[in-house]
Amino acid sequence: MSVTTLTDANFDDEVIQAEVPVLVDFYATWCGPCKALSPIVEKLAGEFEGKLKVGKLNIDDSPQAPSQFSVRAVPTLLFFHKGQVVDTAVGFKSENDLRSRIQKVVA
């Protein structure tokens, strides 16, 4: 599968130190919009494999990273490039919206 499970323990290695841009999906198991967004994120992970790393982080299991990046609501998608946040999407987004955001980050 092309989606990495992220935790506070592996966040720095998997996201901040990544060689390619990274999309991090901050979610919670109790969040309805997160569940609706998940298949879209997984589809796009496959579509951009090799150009973009995609990870999911459960905010209840790993509270440090969401706090560090001021994630206040779920779902929140943060786009990282060279360890920096370059784009943020809060709430449910359409597949086309996310695809165009990804294309800007991987360009």
C-alpha atoms as a PDB file:
ATOM      1  CA  MET A   1       0.000   0.000   0.000  1.00  0.00           C
ATOM      2  CA  SER A   2       1.279   3.457  -0.797  1.00  0.00           C
ATOM      3  CA  VAL A   3       0.114   5.189   2.418  1.00  0.00           C
ATOM      4  CA  THR A   4       2.542   5.312   5.354  1.00  0.00           C
ATOM      5  CA  THR A   5       1.247   5.115   8.920  1.00  0.00           C
ATOM      6  CA  LEU A   6       2.755   8.074  10.752  1.00  0.00           C
ATOM      7  CA  THR A   7       3.305   8.452  14.488  1.00  0.00           C
ATOM      8  CA  ASP A   8       5.038  10.984  16.698  1.00  0.00           C
ATOM      9  CA  ALA A   9       7.982   8.553  16.786  1.00  0.00           C
ATOM     10  CA  ASN A  10       8.539   8.326  13.005  1.00  0.00           C
ATOM     11  CA  PHE A  11       7.246  11.770  11.921  1.00  0.00           C
ATOM     12  CA  ASP A  12      10.651  13.434  11.658  1.00  0.00           C
ATOM     13  CA  ASP A  13      12.205  10.576   9.639  1.00  0.00           C
ATOM     14  CA  GLU A  14       9.195  10.004   7.368  1.00  0.00           C
ATOM     15  CA  VAL A  15       8.097  13.612   6.785  1.00  0.00           C
ATOM     16  CA  ILE A  16      10.676  16.240   7.749  1.00  0.00           C
ATOM     17  CA  GLN A  17      13.661  14.296   6.336  1.00  0.00           C
ATOM     18  CA  ALA A  18      11.812  12.993   3.248  1.00  0.00           C
ATOM     19  CA  GLU A  19      13.491  13.325  -0.150  1.00  0.00           C
ATOM     20  CA  VAL A  20      10.150  13.907  -1.911  1.00  0.00           C
ATOM     21  CA  PRO A  21       7.167  16.126  -1.019  1.00  0.00           C
ATOM     22  CA  VAL A  22       4.876  14.610   1.634  1.00  0.00           C
ATOM     23  CA  LEU A  23       1.121  14.855   2.144  1.00  0.00           C
ATOM     24  CA  VAL A  24       0.126  14.198   5.761  1.00  0.00           C
ATOM     25  CA  ASP A  25      -3.514  13.394   6.508  1.00  0.00           C
ATOM     26  CA  PHE A  26      -4.210  14.224  10.167  1.00  0.00           C
ATOM     27  CA  TYR A  27      -7.333  12.268  11.115  1.00  0.00           C
ATOM     28  CA  ALA A  28      -9.297  10.706  13.972  1.00  0.00           C
ATOM     29  CA  THR A  29     -11.194   7.404  13.956  1.00  0.00           C
ATOM     30  CA  TRP A  30     -14.346   9.156  15.246  1.00  0.00           C
ATOM     31  CA  CYS A  31     -14.325  11.778  12.448  1.00  0.00           C
ATOM     32  CA  GLY A  32     -16.925  11.292   9.691  1.00  0.00           C
ATOM     33  CA  PRO A  33     -15.329  13.628   7.101  1.00  0.00           C
ATOM     34  CA  CYS A  34     -11.981  11.875   7.756  1.00  0.00           C
ATOM     35  CA  LYS A  35     -13.546   8.538   6.792  1.00  0.00           C
ATOM     36  CA  ALA A  36     -15.015  10.083   3.636  1.00  0.00           C
ATOM     37  CA  LEU A  37     -11.647  11.623   2.700  1.00  0.00           C
ATOM     38  CA  SER A  38      -9.603   8.475   3.299  1.00  0.00           C
ATOM     39  CA  PRO A  39     -10.365   6.649  -0.009  1.00  0.00           C
ATOM     40  CA  ILE A  40      -9.580   9.850  -1.960  1.00  0.00           C
ATOM     41  CA  VAL A  41      -6.224  10.231  -0.182  1.00  0.00           C
ATOM     42  CA  GLU A  42      -5.406   6.560  -0.830  1.00  0.00           C
ATOM     43  CA  LYS A  43      -6.326   6.841  -4.525  1.00  0.00           C
ATOM     44  CA  LEU A  44      -4.134   9.932  -4.964  1.00  0.00           C
ATOM     45  CA  ALA A  45      -1.284   8.218  -3.083  1.00  0.00           C
ATOM     46  CA  GLY A  46      -1.305   5.525  -5.764  1.00  0.00           C
ATOM     47  CA  GLU A  47      -1.612   8.056  -8.570  1.00  0.00           C
ATOM     48  CA  PHE A  48       1.405  10.101  -7.415  1.00  0.00           C
ATOM     49  CA  GLU A  49       3.529   7.196  -6.160  1.00  0.00           C
ATOM     50  CA  GLY A  50       7.224   7.957  -6.563  1.00  0.00           C
ATOM     51  CA  LYS A  51       6.613  11.726  -6.730  1.00  0.00           C
ATOM     52  CA  LEU A  52       4.797  12.173  -3.426  1.00  0.00           C
ATOM     53  CA  LYS A  53       4.867  10.342  -0.119  1.00  0.00           C
ATOM     54  CA  VAL A  54       1.481  10.097   1.602  1.00  0.00           C
ATOM     55  CA  GLY A  55       1.077   9.461   5.315  1.00  0.00           C
ATOM     56  CA  LYS A  56      -1.810   9.279   7.759  1.00  0.00           C
ATOM     57  CA  LEU A  57      -1.464  10.316  11.379  1.00  0.00           C
ATOM     58  CA  ASN A  58      -4.086   9.517  14.026  1.00  0.00           C
ATOM     59  CA  ILE A  59      -4.235  12.633  16.222  1.00  0.00           C
ATOM     60  CA  ASP A  60      -5.504  10.664  19.237  1.00  0.00           C
ATOM     61  CA  ASP A  61      -2.607   8.179  19.130  1.00  0.00           C
ATOM     62  CA  SER A  62       0.074  10.760  18.288  1.00  0.00           C
ATOM     63  CA  PRO A  63      -0.756  14.210  19.721  1.00  0.00           C
ATOM     64  CA  GLN A  64       2.740  15.749  19.425  1.00  0.00           C
ATOM     65  CA  ALA A  65       2.924  16.329  15.649  1.00  0.00           C
ATOM     66  CA  PRO A  66      -0.579  17.866  15.381  1.00  0.00           C
ATOM     67  CA  SER A  67       0.298  20.207  18.230  1.00  0.00           C
ATOM     68  CA  GLN A  68       3.652  21.126  16.652  1.00  0.00           C
ATOM     69  CA  PHE A  69       1.930  22.093  13.385  1.00  0.00           C
ATOM     70  CA  SER A  70      -1.128  23.757  14.999  1.00  0.00           C
ATOM     71  CA  VAL A  71      -3.647  21.227  13.692  1.00  0.00           C
ATOM     72  CA  ARG A  72      -6.907  22.382  15.261  1.00  0.00           C
ATOM     73  CA  ALA A  73      -9.475  20.373  13.289  1.00  0.00           C
ATOM     74  CA  VAL A  74      -9.692  17.075  11.446  1.00  0.00           C
ATOM     75  CA  PRO A  75      -9.314  16.262   8.702  1.00  0.00           C
ATOM     76  CA  THR A  76      -6.334  18.533   8.114  1.00  0.00           C
ATOM     77  CA  LEU A  77      -3.989  17.853   5.223  1.00  0.00           C
ATOM     78  CA  LEU A  78      -0.528  19.377   5.380  1.00  0.00           C
ATOM     79  CA  PHE A  79       1.754  19.372   2.358  1.00  0.00           C
ATOM     80  CA  PHE A  80       5.457  19.313   3.220  1.00  0.00           C
ATOM     81  CA  HIS A  81       8.372  20.031   0.915  1.00  0.00           C
ATOM     82  CA  LYS A  82      11.955  19.933   2.208  1.00  0.00           C
ATOM     83  CA  GLY A  83      10.651  19.772   5.777  1.00  0.00           C
ATOM     84  CA  GLN A  84       8.460  22.879   5.496  1.00  0.00           C
ATOM     85  CA  VAL A  85       4.666  23.162   5.288  1.00  0.00           C
ATOM     86  CA  VAL A  86       3.893  24.540   1.814  1.00  0.00           C
ATOM     87  CA  ASP A  87       0.103  24.091   1.731  1.00  0.00           C
ATOM     88  CA  THR A  88      -2.728  23.323   4.133  1.00  0.00           C
ATOM     89  CA  ALA A  89      -6.227  21.990   3.510  1.00  0.00           C
ATOM     90  CA  VAL A  90      -8.701  21.822   6.390  1.00  0.00           C
ATOM     91  CA  GLY A  91     -11.921  19.842   6.172  1.00  0.00           C
ATOM     92  CA  PHE A  92     -13.204  17.553   3.438  1.00  0.00           C
ATOM     93  CA  LYS A  93     -11.805  18.375  -0.002  1.00  0.00           C
ATOM     94  CA  SER A  94     -12.754  16.995  -3.388  1.00  0.00           C
ATOM     95  CA  GLU A  95     -10.458  14.680  -5.307  1.00  0.00           C
ATOM     96  CA  ASN A  96      -9.914  17.369  -7.976  1.00  0.00           C
ATOM     97  CA  ASP A  97      -9.038  20.027  -5.387  1.00  0.00           C
ATOM     98  CA  LEU A  98      -6.490  17.735  -3.750  1.00  0.00           C
ATOM     99  CA  ARG A  99      -5.061  16.634  -7.095  1.00  0.00           C
ATOM    100  CA  SER A 100      -4.421  20.252  -8.142  1.00  0.00           C
ATOM    101  CA  ARG A 101      -2.790  21.008  -4.763  1.00  0.00           C
ATOM    102  CA  ILE A 102      -0.555  17.939  -5.132  1.00  0.00           C
ATOM    103  CA  GLN A 103       0.403  18.914  -8.688  1.00  0.00           C
ATOM    104  CA  LYS A 104       1.611  22.327  -7.437  1.00  0.00           C
ATOM    105  CA  VAL A 105       3.695  20.688  -4.680  1.00  0.00           C
ATOM    106  CA  VAL A 106       5.329  18.044  -6.896  1.00  0.00           C
ATOM    107  CA  ALA A 107       5.903  20.389  -9.878  1.00  0.00           C
END
